[in-house]
C-alpha atoms as a PDB file:
ATOM      1  CA  MET A   1     -17.266  66.406 -27.017  1.00  0.00           C
ATOM      2  CA  ARG A   2     -15.261  63.637 -28.606  1.00  0.00           C
ATOM      3  CA  ALA A   3     -16.412  62.032 -31.975  1.00  0.00           C
ATOM      4  CA  ALA A   4     -14.820  58.803 -33.370  1.00  0.00           C
ATOM      5  CA  PHE A   5     -14.140  58.333 -37.041  1.00  0.00           C
ATOM      6  CA  GLN A   6     -12.464  55.420 -39.042  1.00  0.00           C
ATOM      7  CA  GLY A   7      -9.142  56.295 -40.695  1.00  0.00           C
ATOM      8  CA  GLU A   8      -6.095  58.495 -40.263  1.00  0.00           C
ATOM      9  CA  PRO A   9      -6.301  62.370 -39.638  1.00  0.00           C
ATOM     10  CA  GLY A  10      -7.333  63.809 -43.056  1.00  0.00           C
ATOM     11  CA  ALA A  11      -9.565  61.098 -43.890  1.00  0.00           C
ATOM     12  CA  TYR A  12     -12.953  61.857 -45.512  1.00  0.00           C
ATOM     13  CA  SER A  13     -14.827  60.787 -42.486  1.00  0.00           C
ATOM     14  CA  GLU A  14     -12.811  63.314 -40.456  1.00  0.00           C
ATOM     15  CA  GLU A  15     -13.658  65.854 -43.051  1.00  0.00           C
ATOM     16  CA  ALA A  16     -17.522  65.016 -42.983  1.00  0.00           C
ATOM     17  CA  GLY A  17     -17.166  65.115 -38.898  1.00  0.00           C
ATOM     18  CA  ARG A  18     -15.439  68.668 -38.905  1.00  0.00           C
ATOM     19  CA  ALA A  19     -18.220  69.950 -41.139  1.00  0.00           C
ATOM     20  CA  TYR A  20     -21.094  68.213 -39.259  1.00  0.00           C
ATOM     21  CA  TYR A  21     -20.007  68.913 -35.719  1.00  0.00           C
ATOM     22  CA  GLY A  22     -17.704  72.009 -36.024  1.00  0.00           C
ATOM     23  CA  ALA A  23     -15.377  72.521 -33.126  1.00  0.00           C
ATOM     24  CA  VAL A  24     -15.294  68.992 -31.602  1.00  0.00           C
ATOM     25  CA  GLU A  25     -12.303  66.646 -30.811  1.00  0.00           C
ATOM     26  CA  MET A  26     -12.308  64.221 -33.797  1.00  0.00           C
ATOM     27  CA  VAL A  27     -10.787  60.750 -32.590  1.00  0.00           C
ATOM     28  CA  PRO A  28      -9.380  58.456 -35.387  1.00  0.00           C
ATOM     29  CA  CYS A  29      -9.959  54.704 -35.219  1.00  0.00           C
ATOM     30  CA  GLU A  30      -8.485  51.968 -37.085  1.00  0.00           C
ATOM     31  CA  THR A  31     -11.627  50.164 -38.053  1.00  0.00           C
ATOM     32  CA  PHE A  32     -15.262  50.747 -38.408  1.00  0.00           C
ATOM     33  CA  GLU A  33     -15.802  48.437 -35.382  1.00  0.00           C
ATOM     34  CA  ASP A  34     -13.439  50.509 -33.257  1.00  0.00           C
ATOM     35  CA  VAL A  35     -15.743  53.385 -33.755  1.00  0.00           C
ATOM     36  CA  PHE A  36     -18.798  51.428 -32.626  1.00  0.00           C
ATOM     37  CA  LEU A  37     -16.790  50.208 -29.685  1.00  0.00           C
ATOM     38  CA  ALA A  38     -15.483  53.632 -28.766  1.00  0.00           C
ATOM     39  CA  VAL A  39     -19.222  54.931 -28.497  1.00  0.00           C
ATOM     40  CA  THR A  40     -20.279  51.994 -26.743  1.00  0.00           C
ATOM     41  CA  ASN A  41     -17.740  52.005 -24.008  1.00  0.00           C
ATOM     42  CA  GLY A  42     -17.885  55.799 -23.504  1.00  0.00           C
ATOM     43  CA  THR A  43     -14.548  56.704 -24.761  1.00  0.00           C
ATOM     44  CA  CYS A  44     -16.162  59.009 -27.472  1.00  0.00           C
ATOM     45  CA  ASP A  45     -19.611  60.811 -27.032  1.00  0.00           C
ATOM     46  CA  SER A  46     -20.523  60.014 -30.625  1.00  0.00           C
ATOM     47  CA  GLY A  47     -19.196  58.296 -33.816  1.00  0.00           C
ATOM     48  CA  LEU A  48     -19.596  59.254 -37.701  1.00  0.00           C
ATOM     49  CA  ILE A  49     -19.679  56.366 -39.984  1.00  0.00           C
ATOM     50  CA  PRO A  50     -19.907  56.215 -43.875  1.00  0.00           C
ATOM     51  CA  ILE A  51     -23.176  54.279 -44.872  1.00  0.00           C
ATOM     52  CA  GLU A  52     -23.225  54.588 -48.579  1.00  0.00           C
ATOM     53  CA  ASN A  53     -21.528  56.343 -51.676  1.00  0.00           C
ATOM     54  CA  SER A  54     -23.413  57.749 -54.638  1.00  0.00           C
ATOM     55  CA  LEU A  55     -20.823  55.699 -57.163  1.00  0.00           C
ATOM     56  CA  ALA A  56     -19.607  52.833 -55.255  1.00  0.00           C
ATOM     57  CA  GLY A  57     -22.991  51.935 -53.271  1.00  0.00           C
ATOM     58  CA  SER A  58     -23.392  50.704 -49.752  1.00  0.00           C
ATOM     59  CA  ILE A  59     -20.903  50.034 -46.973  1.00  0.00           C
ATOM     60  CA  HIS A  60     -22.289  46.578 -46.076  1.00  0.00           C
ATOM     61  CA  GLN A  61     -19.902  46.207 -42.877  1.00  0.00           C
ATOM     62  CA  ASN A  62     -21.525  49.182 -41.263  1.00  0.00           C
ATOM     63  CA  TYR A  63     -25.049  47.837 -41.781  1.00  0.00           C
ATOM     64  CA  ASP A  64     -24.093  44.710 -39.960  1.00  0.00           C
ATOM     65  CA  LEU A  65     -22.430  46.746 -37.105  1.00  0.00           C
ATOM     66  CA  LEU A  66     -25.740  48.779 -36.963  1.00  0.00           C
ATOM     67  CA  LEU A  67     -27.558  45.665 -35.884  1.00  0.00           C
ATOM     68  CA  ARG A  68     -24.721  44.239 -33.691  1.00  0.00           C
ATOM     69  CA  TYR A  69     -24.348  47.147 -31.411  1.00  0.00           C
ATOM     70  CA  ALA A  70     -27.168  48.729 -29.356  1.00  0.00           C
ATOM     71  CA  LEU A  71     -26.563  52.214 -30.598  1.00  0.00           C
ATOM     72  CA  HIS A  72     -28.802  54.858 -32.119  1.00  0.00           C
ATOM     73  CA  ILE A  73     -28.647  56.738 -35.260  1.00  0.00           C
ATOM     74  CA  THR A  74     -28.923  60.213 -34.338  1.00  0.00           C
ATOM     75  CA  GLY A  75     -27.979  62.266 -37.387  1.00  0.00           C
ATOM     76  CA  GLU A  76     -26.691  62.152 -41.010  1.00  0.00           C
ATOM     77  CA  TYR A  77     -24.346  64.277 -43.083  1.00  0.00           C
ATOM     78  CA  THR A  78     -23.639  64.054 -46.896  1.00  0.00           C
ATOM     79  CA  LEU A  79     -20.139  65.079 -48.141  1.00  0.00           C
ATOM     80  CA  ARG A  80     -19.154  65.909 -51.580  1.00  0.00           C
ATOM     81  CA  VAL A  81     -15.947  63.878 -52.021  1.00  0.00           C
ATOM     82  CA  ARG A  82     -13.085  65.734 -53.988  1.00  0.00           C
ATOM     83  CA  HIS A  83     -10.059  63.581 -54.699  1.00  0.00           C
ATOM     84  CA  CYS A  84      -6.532  65.223 -55.024  1.00  0.00           C
ATOM     85  CA  LEU A  85      -3.605  63.713 -56.656  1.00  0.00           C
ATOM     86  CA  ILE A  86      -0.950  64.299 -53.898  1.00  0.00           C
ATOM     87  CA  GLY A  87       2.828  64.240 -54.352  1.00  0.00           C
ATOM     88  CA  PHE A  88       5.916  65.426 -52.635  1.00  0.00           C
ATOM     89  CA  PRO A  89       6.647  69.236 -52.464  1.00  0.00           C
ATOM     90  CA  ASP A  90       8.954  69.348 -55.417  1.00  0.00           C
ATOM     91  CA  ALA A  91       7.235  66.608 -57.388  1.00  0.00           C
ATOM     92  CA  ASP A  92       5.622  67.056 -60.893  1.00  0.00           C
ATOM     93  CA  ILE A  93       3.083  64.816 -62.479  1.00  0.00           C
ATOM     94  CA  SER A  94       5.432  64.023 -65.341  1.00  0.00           C
ATOM     95  CA  SER A  95       7.758  62.357 -62.839  1.00  0.00           C
ATOM     96  CA  ILE A  96       5.075  60.178 -61.097  1.00  0.00           C
ATOM     97  CA  SER A  97       4.887  56.306 -62.199  1.00  0.00           C
ATOM     98  CA  LYS A  98       2.775  54.824 -59.432  1.00  0.00           C
ATOM     99  CA  VAL A  99      -0.197  56.087 -57.393  1.00  0.00           C
ATOM    100  CA  ILE A 100      -1.486  54.452 -53.969  1.00  0.00           C
ATOM    101  CA  SER A 101      -4.807  54.820 -52.163  1.00  0.00           C
ATOM    102  CA  HIS A 102      -7.746  53.069 -50.847  1.00  0.00           C
ATOM    103  CA  PRO A 103      -9.231  50.815 -53.616  1.00  0.00           C
ATOM    104  CA  GLN A 104     -12.451  52.737 -53.654  1.00  0.00           C
ATOM    105  CA  ALA A 105     -10.652  56.104 -54.363  1.00  0.00           C
ATOM    106  CA  LEU A 106      -8.448  54.319 -57.018  1.00  0.00           C
ATOM    107  CA  GLY A 107     -11.600  52.935 -58.624  1.00  0.00           C
ATOM    108  CA  GLN A 108     -13.279  56.289 -58.722  1.00  0.00           C
ATOM    109  CA  CYS A 109     -10.275  57.888 -60.504  1.00  0.00           C
ATOM    110  CA  ALA A 110      -9.600  54.987 -62.790  1.00  0.00           C
ATOM    111  CA  ALA A 111     -10.070  56.825 -66.046  1.00  0.00           C
ATOM    112  CA  SER A 112      -7.913  59.767 -64.940  1.00  0.00           C
ATOM    113  CA  LEU A 113      -5.189  57.357 -63.931  1.00  0.00           C
ATOM    114  CA  ARG A 114      -5.338  55.625 -67.361  1.00  0.00           C
ATOM    115  CA  LYS A 115      -5.138  58.908 -69.054  1.00  0.00           C
ATOM    116  CA  LEU A 116      -1.823  59.522 -67.317  1.00  0.00           C
ATOM    117  CA  GLY A 117      -0.652  55.906 -67.686  1.00  0.00           C
ATOM    118  CA  LEU A 118       0.005  55.590 -64.105  1.00  0.00           C
ATOM    119  CA  LYS A 119       0.179  52.247 -62.144  1.00  0.00           C
ATOM    120  CA  THR A 120      -1.743  51.794 -58.954  1.00  0.00           C
ATOM    121  CA  GLU A 121      -1.316  49.945 -55.542  1.00  0.00           C
ATOM    122  CA  ALA A 122      -4.152  49.691 -53.054  1.00  0.00           C
ATOM    123  CA  VAL A 123      -3.643  50.557 -49.498  1.00  0.00           C
ATOM    124  CA  TYR A 124      -5.838  50.679 -46.393  1.00  0.00           C
ATOM    125  CA  ASP A 125      -6.947  54.396 -46.321  1.00  0.00           C
ATOM    126  CA  THR A 126      -6.868  57.541 -48.292  1.00  0.00           C
ATOM    127  CA  ALA A 127      -5.395  59.655 -45.729  1.00  0.00           C
ATOM    128  CA  GLY A 128      -3.161  56.750 -44.753  1.00  0.00           C
ATOM    129  CA  SER A 129      -1.872  56.724 -48.447  1.00  0.00           C
ATOM    130  CA  VAL A 130      -0.431  60.125 -47.903  1.00  0.00           C
ATOM    131  CA  LYS A 131       1.252  59.035 -44.627  1.00  0.00           C
ATOM    132  CA  LEU A 132       2.699  55.850 -46.267  1.00  0.00           C
ATOM    133  CA  LEU A 133       3.933  58.174 -49.351  1.00  0.00           C
ATOM    134  CA  LYS A 134       5.656  60.630 -47.118  1.00  0.00           C
ATOM    135  CA  ALA A 135       7.409  57.616 -45.053  1.00  0.00           C
ATOM    136  CA  SER A 136       8.574  55.894 -48.459  1.00  0.00           C
ATOM    137  CA  GLY A 137      10.471  59.015 -49.625  1.00  0.00           C
ATOM    138  CA  ASP A 138       9.828  57.908 -53.095  1.00  0.00           C
ATOM    139  CA  PRO A 139       9.446  61.179 -55.385  1.00  0.00           C
ATOM    140  CA  THR A 140       7.953  58.849 -58.248  1.00  0.00           C
ATOM    141  CA  CYS A 141       4.932  57.914 -56.214  1.00  0.00           C
ATOM    142  CA  ALA A 142       1.924  59.888 -55.450  1.00  0.00           C
ATOM    143  CA  ALA A 143      -1.274  59.328 -53.518  1.00  0.00           C
ATOM    144  CA  ILE A 144      -4.964  59.994 -53.819  1.00  0.00           C
ATOM    145  CA  ALA A 145      -6.694  61.642 -50.765  1.00  0.00           C
ATOM    146  CA  SER A 146      -8.314  64.806 -49.505  1.00  0.00           C
ATOM    147  CA  ARG A 147      -6.947  68.401 -49.662  1.00  0.00           C
ATOM    148  CA  ARG A 148      -6.595  68.198 -45.788  1.00  0.00           C
ATOM    149  CA  ALA A 149      -4.321  64.881 -45.894  1.00  0.00           C
ATOM    150  CA  ALA A 150      -1.932  66.959 -48.027  1.00  0.00           C
ATOM    151  CA  GLU A 151      -1.858  69.805 -45.715  1.00  0.00           C
ATOM    152  CA  ILE A 152      -1.315  67.445 -42.567  1.00  0.00           C
ATOM    153  CA  TYR A 153       1.610  65.597 -43.938  1.00  0.00           C
ATOM    154  CA  GLY A 154       3.184  68.697 -45.793  1.00  0.00           C
ATOM    155  CA  MET A 155       2.724  67.304 -49.285  1.00  0.00           C
ATOM    156  CA  ARG A 156       1.766  69.065 -52.579  1.00  0.00           C
ATOM    157  CA  ILE A 157      -1.411  68.837 -54.517  1.00  0.00           C
ATOM    158  CA  LEU A 158      -0.629  68.029 -58.069  1.00  0.00           C
ATOM    159  CA  ARG A 159      -4.136  68.062 -59.368  1.00  0.00           C
ATOM    160  CA  GLU A 160      -7.622  68.670 -57.672  1.00  0.00           C
ATOM    161  CA  ASP A 161     -10.840  67.109 -58.515  1.00  0.00           C
ATOM    162  CA  PHE A 162      -8.989  64.066 -59.935  1.00  0.00           C
ATOM    163  CA  GLU A 163     -12.039  61.972 -59.784  1.00  0.00           C
ATOM    164  CA  ASP A 164     -13.836  60.659 -62.976  1.00  0.00           C
ATOM    165  CA  ASN A 165     -17.276  61.723 -61.953  1.00  0.00           C
ATOM    166  CA  PRO A 166     -18.047  64.832 -59.987  1.00  0.00           C
ATOM    167  CA  GLU A 167     -21.322  63.255 -58.760  1.00  0.00           C
ATOM    168  CA  ASN A 168     -19.440  61.711 -55.830  1.00  0.00           C
ATOM    169  CA  TYR A 169     -21.072  61.875 -52.470  1.00  0.00           C
ATOM    170  CA  THR A 170     -20.749  59.850 -49.426  1.00  0.00           C
ATOM    171  CA  ARG A 171     -23.757  59.781 -46.907  1.00  0.00           C
ATOM    172  CA  PHE A 172     -22.526  59.453 -43.181  1.00  0.00           C
ATOM    173  CA  LEU A 173     -24.707  58.430 -40.051  1.00  0.00           C
ATOM    174  CA  GLU A 174     -24.005  59.727 -36.544  1.00  0.00           C
ATOM    175  CA  ILE A 175     -24.416  57.090 -33.911  1.00  0.00           C
ATOM    176  CA  MET A 176     -24.812  57.702 -30.110  1.00  0.00           C
ATOM    177  CA  PRO A 177     -25.637  55.598 -27.141  1.00  0.00           C
ATOM    178  CA  ARG A 178     -29.211  57.420 -26.653  1.00  0.00           C
ATOM    179  CA  PRO A 179     -31.540  58.788 -29.147  1.00  0.00           C
ATOM    180  CA  ARG A 180     -31.843  62.456 -29.542  1.00  0.00           C
ATOM    181  CA  ILE A 181     -35.045  64.462 -29.241  1.00  0.00           C
ATOM    182  CA  PHE A 182     -35.765  66.904 -32.081  1.00  0.00           C
ATOM    183  CA  GLN A 183     -38.287  68.735 -34.114  1.00  0.00           C
ATOM    184  CA  GLY A 184     -38.616  69.184 -37.829  1.00  0.00           C
ATOM    185  CA  SER A 185     -38.087  67.149 -40.969  1.00  0.00           C
ATOM    186  CA  ALA A 186     -37.185  63.638 -39.925  1.00  0.00           C
ATOM    187  CA  LYS A 187     -35.906  60.398 -41.357  1.00  0.00           C
ATOM    188  CA  THR A 188     -36.338  56.954 -39.664  1.00  0.00           C
ATOM    189  CA  SER A 189     -33.966  53.884 -40.211  1.00  0.00           C
ATOM    190  CA  ILE A 190     -35.138  50.270 -39.463  1.00  0.00           C
ATOM    191  CA  VAL A 191     -34.287  46.802 -39.902  1.00  0.00           C
ATOM    192  CA  PHE A 192     -36.540  43.749 -40.072  1.00  0.00           C
ATOM    193  CA  THR A 193     -36.883  40.370 -41.463  1.00  0.00           C
ATOM    194  CA  VAL A 194     -39.940  38.278 -42.538  1.00  0.00           C
ATOM    195  CA  LYS A 195     -40.847  34.623 -43.358  1.00  0.00           C
ATOM    196  CA  ASN A 196     -39.318  33.379 -46.493  1.00  0.00           C
ATOM    197  CA  GLU A 197     -42.627  32.838 -48.444  1.00  0.00           C
ATOM    198  CA  PRO A 198     -44.237  34.344 -51.433  1.00  0.00           C
ATOM    199  CA  GLY A 199     -45.539  38.019 -50.958  1.00  0.00           C
ATOM    200  CA  ALA A 200     -43.969  38.498 -47.680  1.00  0.00           C
ATOM    201  CA  LEU A 201     -41.701  41.372 -48.572  1.00  0.00           C
ATOM    202  CA  TYR A 202     -44.453  42.833 -50.597  1.00  0.00           C
ATOM    203  CA  LYS A 203     -46.853  42.911 -47.722  1.00  0.00           C
ATOM    204  CA  ALA A 204     -44.255  44.254 -45.493  1.00  0.00           C
ATOM    205  CA  LEU A 205     -43.469  47.234 -47.935  1.00  0.00           C
ATOM    206  CA  ASN A 206     -47.157  47.846 -48.435  1.00  0.00           C
ATOM    207  CA  ALA A 207     -47.435  48.975 -44.766  1.00  0.00           C
ATOM    208  CA  PHE A 208     -45.476  51.989 -46.110  1.00  0.00           C
ATOM    209  CA  ALA A 209     -46.963  52.339 -49.575  1.00  0.00           C
ATOM    210  CA  ALA A 210     -50.584  52.387 -48.215  1.00  0.00           C
ATOM    211  CA  ARG A 211     -49.593  55.328 -46.008  1.00  0.00           C
ATOM    212  CA  ASN A 212     -47.756  57.280 -48.815  1.00  0.00           C
ATOM    213  CA  ILE A 213     -44.546  57.068 -46.848  1.00  0.00           C
ATOM    214  CA  ASP A 214     -41.446  57.797 -48.946  1.00  0.00           C
ATOM    215  CA  LEU A 215     -38.850  55.061 -48.781  1.00  0.00           C
ATOM    216  CA  THR A 216     -35.490  56.656 -49.459  1.00  0.00           C
ATOM    217  CA  LYS A 217     -33.224  53.552 -49.107  1.00  0.00           C
ATOM    218  CA  ILE A 218     -33.643  49.860 -49.092  1.00  0.00           C
ATOM    219  CA  GLU A 219     -30.873  47.401 -48.489  1.00  0.00           C
ATOM    220  CA  SER A 220     -30.680  43.537 -47.805  1.00  0.00           C
ATOM    221  CA  ARG A 221     -28.093  41.728 -45.983  1.00  0.00           C
ATOM    222  CA  PRO A 222     -27.836  37.889 -45.299  1.00  0.00           C
ATOM    223  CA  LEU A 223     -29.376  36.564 -42.098  1.00  0.00           C
ATOM    224  CA  VAL A 224     -26.479  34.833 -40.208  1.00  0.00           C
ATOM    225  CA  ASP A 225     -27.202  31.060 -39.650  1.00  0.00           C
ATOM    226  CA  LYS A 226     -30.114  31.155 -42.246  1.00  0.00           C
ATOM    227  CA  THR A 227     -28.806  30.551 -45.571  1.00  0.00           C
ATOM    228  CA  TRP A 228     -30.854  32.558 -48.315  1.00  0.00           C
ATOM    229  CA  ASP A 229     -32.801  34.579 -45.625  1.00  0.00           C
ATOM    230  CA  TYR A 230     -32.331  38.114 -45.317  1.00  0.00           C
ATOM    231  CA  LEU A 231     -32.472  41.256 -43.124  1.00  0.00           C
ATOM    232  CA  PHE A 232     -34.006  44.292 -44.743  1.00  0.00           C
ATOM    233  CA  TYR A 233     -32.753  47.749 -43.774  1.00  0.00           C
ATOM    234  CA  ILE A 234     -35.116  50.661 -44.777  1.00  0.00           C
ATOM    235  CA  ASP A 235     -34.931  54.377 -44.514  1.00  0.00           C
ATOM    236  CA  PHE A 236     -37.871  56.480 -44.847  1.00  0.00           C
ATOM    237  CA  THR A 237     -39.252  60.145 -44.302  1.00  0.00           C
ATOM    238  CA  GLY A 238     -41.060  60.770 -41.180  1.00  0.00           C
ATOM    239  CA  ALA A 239     -40.604  60.523 -37.317  1.00  0.00           C
ATOM    240  CA  VAL A 240     -41.515  57.664 -34.813  1.00  0.00           C
ATOM    241  CA  GLY A 241     -44.112  58.898 -32.487  1.00  0.00           C
ATOM    242  CA  THR A 242     -46.318  60.580 -35.375  1.00  0.00           C
ATOM    243  CA  GLU A 243     -48.885  59.246 -37.765  1.00  0.00           C
ATOM    244  CA  PRO A 244     -48.561  57.477 -40.311  1.00  0.00           C
ATOM    245  CA  VAL A 245     -45.193  56.100 -39.270  1.00  0.00           C
ATOM    246  CA  ASP A 246     -46.435  54.597 -36.152  1.00  0.00           C
ATOM    247  CA  GLY A 247     -49.340  52.892 -37.933  1.00  0.00           C
ATOM    248  CA  ALA A 248     -46.891  51.594 -40.621  1.00  0.00           C
ATOM    249  CA  LEU A 249     -44.513  50.069 -37.960  1.00  0.00           C
ATOM    250  CA  GLU A 250     -47.407  48.584 -35.933  1.00  0.00           C
ATOM    251  CA  GLU A 251     -48.652  46.850 -39.110  1.00  0.00           C
ATOM    252  CA  LEU A 252     -45.125  45.699 -39.974  1.00  0.00           C
ATOM    253  CA  GLY A 253     -44.650  44.411 -36.457  1.00  0.00           C
ATOM    254  CA  ARG A 254     -47.689  42.005 -36.782  1.00  0.00           C
ATOM    255  CA  SER A 255     -45.809  40.057 -39.628  1.00  0.00           C
ATOM    256  CA  ALA A 256     -42.038  40.765 -39.053  1.00  0.00           C
ATOM    257  CA  LEU A 257     -39.993  38.027 -37.227  1.00  0.00           C
ATOM    258  CA  LEU A 258     -37.663  40.758 -36.145  1.00  0.00           C
ATOM    259  CA  LEU A 259     -38.261  44.591 -36.185  1.00  0.00           C
ATOM    260  CA  ARG A 260     -35.926  47.176 -34.640  1.00  0.00           C
ATOM    261  CA  VAL A 261     -35.918  50.962 -35.054  1.00  0.00           C
ATOM    262  CA  LEU A 262     -32.108  51.874 -35.542  1.00  0.00           C
ATOM    263  CA  GLY A 263     -32.872  55.574 -35.135  1.00  0.00           C
ATOM    264  CA  CYS A 264     -35.008  58.578 -35.812  1.00  0.00           C
ATOM    265  CA  TYR A 265     -33.105  61.715 -36.817  1.00  0.00           C
ATOM    266  CA  PRO A 266     -33.200  65.078 -38.686  1.00  0.00           C
ATOM    267  CA  ARG A 267     -33.032  64.766 -42.428  1.00  0.00           C
ATOM    268  CA  PHE A 268     -30.082  66.331 -43.857  1.00  0.00           C
ATOM    269  CA  ARG A 269     -30.762  68.681 -46.757  1.00  0.00           C
ATOM    270  CA  ASP A 270     -27.658  68.350 -48.961  1.00  0.00           C
ATOM    271  CA  GLU A 271     -26.687  70.001 -52.299  1.00  0.00           C
ATOM    272  CA  LEU A 272     -27.285  66.766 -54.301  1.00  0.00           C
ATOM    273  CA  GLN A 273     -30.782  66.525 -53.112  1.00  0.00           C
ATOM    274  CA  GLN A 274     -31.546  70.074 -53.933  1.00  0.00           C
ATOM    275  CA  LYS A 275     -30.552  69.502 -57.472  1.00  0.00           C
ATOM    276  CA  TYR A 276     -33.272  66.942 -58.036  1.00  0.00           C
END
């Protein structure tokens, strides 16, 4: 099996994939759309994409790609993101003056960076920042990335758990050409749009509230070519093909201008969910 992810080897997406799949070939892709293309054209059997972070919020580009491509969400995984400050093998924190990484990682470590008085520079990827660091040969520069990225490029971890807030989790979605059949606790993801008129969204959501269906995520995205109209992405507990989910979708379908089920998949029970 071959699974696509965005980023360089050592990226958090690869780490999530190794934990989710186990022993499969993880295939790096330059962009998120390249992941969708790899699954669509059969280069890879599946892909794993980040969809939201507990601190930084949603990855909007991937919501748009879920609508653009005719793929199915077939699973989810939540990764606890642990940032490491990484330097050359003989480096010391006292000698570091600049840190490079993805903008999101720099933002999640902002207080730690300020405390050390370090300048920052944004680059395209966390694992890629370690690759760039090694190529630069600059011992006064460090990177923020995963432990695995440091191992891959033969660099030294100067400080672990460098993030400001330990409640740092990223949720990933598995995408495949065909839906999977499974049994057990399920989650379903849909996208829909309704007329831009008073009460329209309230009526749409009432289809779920009236049936006591738990909505776990709501996201809106602009509707292309229709200014100030929106698509609504919803995750909720329950499986298509069972009641009350089918009843809710049938009711929503009577008023929705567009309704598409993006996927029905096993619900991942992670350590964050178990805390609350």
